[in-house]
Amino acid sequence: MLVDIRGRLQQEISQGQSADEVVQSNTAVEGYAQSNANTERSLRAACEGYR
């Protein structure tokens, strides 16, 4: 699961998407987690880590 999410996140970042776009699209965690404040914070932190 986490490997899939990481791969999706890295792909979105490599396509030039900003953290806001990644959070808004919610495709990185689709099928694994609901969109909420915790998911948003985690995605934003991961985006900064992969940049």
Protein backbone atom coordinates (compact mmCIF):
# COMPACT_ATOMS: atom_id res chain seq x y z
CA MET A 1 0.00 0.00 0.00
CA LEU A 2 2.60 2.58 1.04
CA VAL A 3 4.80 1.64 -1.90
CA ASP A 4 1.87 2.23 -4.25
CA ILE A 5 1.08 5.59 -2.67
CA ARG A 6 4.73 6.63 -2.82
CA GLY A 7 4.94 5.66 -6.50
CA ARG A 8 1.80 7.60 -7.36
CA LEU A 9 3.02 10.60 -5.42
CA GLN A 10 6.44 10.57 -7.08
CA GLN A 11 4.81 10.28 -10.49
CA GLU A 12 2.56 13.28 -9.85
CA ILE A 13 5.51 15.33 -8.61
CA SER A 14 7.63 14.35 -11.63
CA GLN A 15 4.79 15.59 -13.84
CA GLY A 16 5.21 19.00 -12.22
CA GLN A 17 2.19 19.02 -9.96
CA SER A 18 2.37 21.23 -6.89
CA ALA A 19 1.49 20.01 -3.39
CA ASP A 20 -1.87 21.77 -3.71
CA GLU A 21 -2.62 19.94 -6.95
CA VAL A 22 -1.62 16.58 -5.48
CA VAL A 23 -3.85 17.12 -2.44
CA GLN A 24 -6.74 18.34 -4.55
CA SER A 25 -6.59 15.44 -7.01
CA ASN A 26 -6.34 12.86 -4.20
CA THR A 27 -5.21 10.23 -6.74
CA ALA A 28 -2.13 9.28 -4.72
CA VAL A 29 -4.24 7.73 -1.97
CA GLU A 30 -7.26 6.73 -4.05
CA GLY A 31 -8.53 3.37 -2.89
CA TYR A 32 -6.49 3.47 0.32
CA ALA A 33 -7.54 6.48 2.39
CA GLN A 34 -10.36 8.96 2.63
CA SER A 35 -9.65 12.58 1.95
CA ASN A 36 -9.50 14.44 5.27
CA ALA A 37 -7.23 16.82 7.18
CA ASN A 38 -4.82 14.04 8.21
CA THR A 39 -4.47 12.78 4.65
CA GLU A 40 -3.90 16.32 3.42
CA ARG A 41 -1.14 16.97 5.98
CA SER A 42 0.55 13.67 5.18
CA LEU A 43 0.47 14.29 1.43
CA ARG A 44 1.85 17.81 1.84
CA ALA A 45 4.69 16.55 4.05
CA ALA A 46 5.49 13.76 1.60
CA CYS A 47 5.48 16.20 -1.33
CA GLU A 48 8.03 18.38 0.42
CA GLY A 49 10.13 15.31 1.20
CA TYR A 50 10.22 14.18 -2.43
CA ARG A 51 11.03 17.57 -3.94
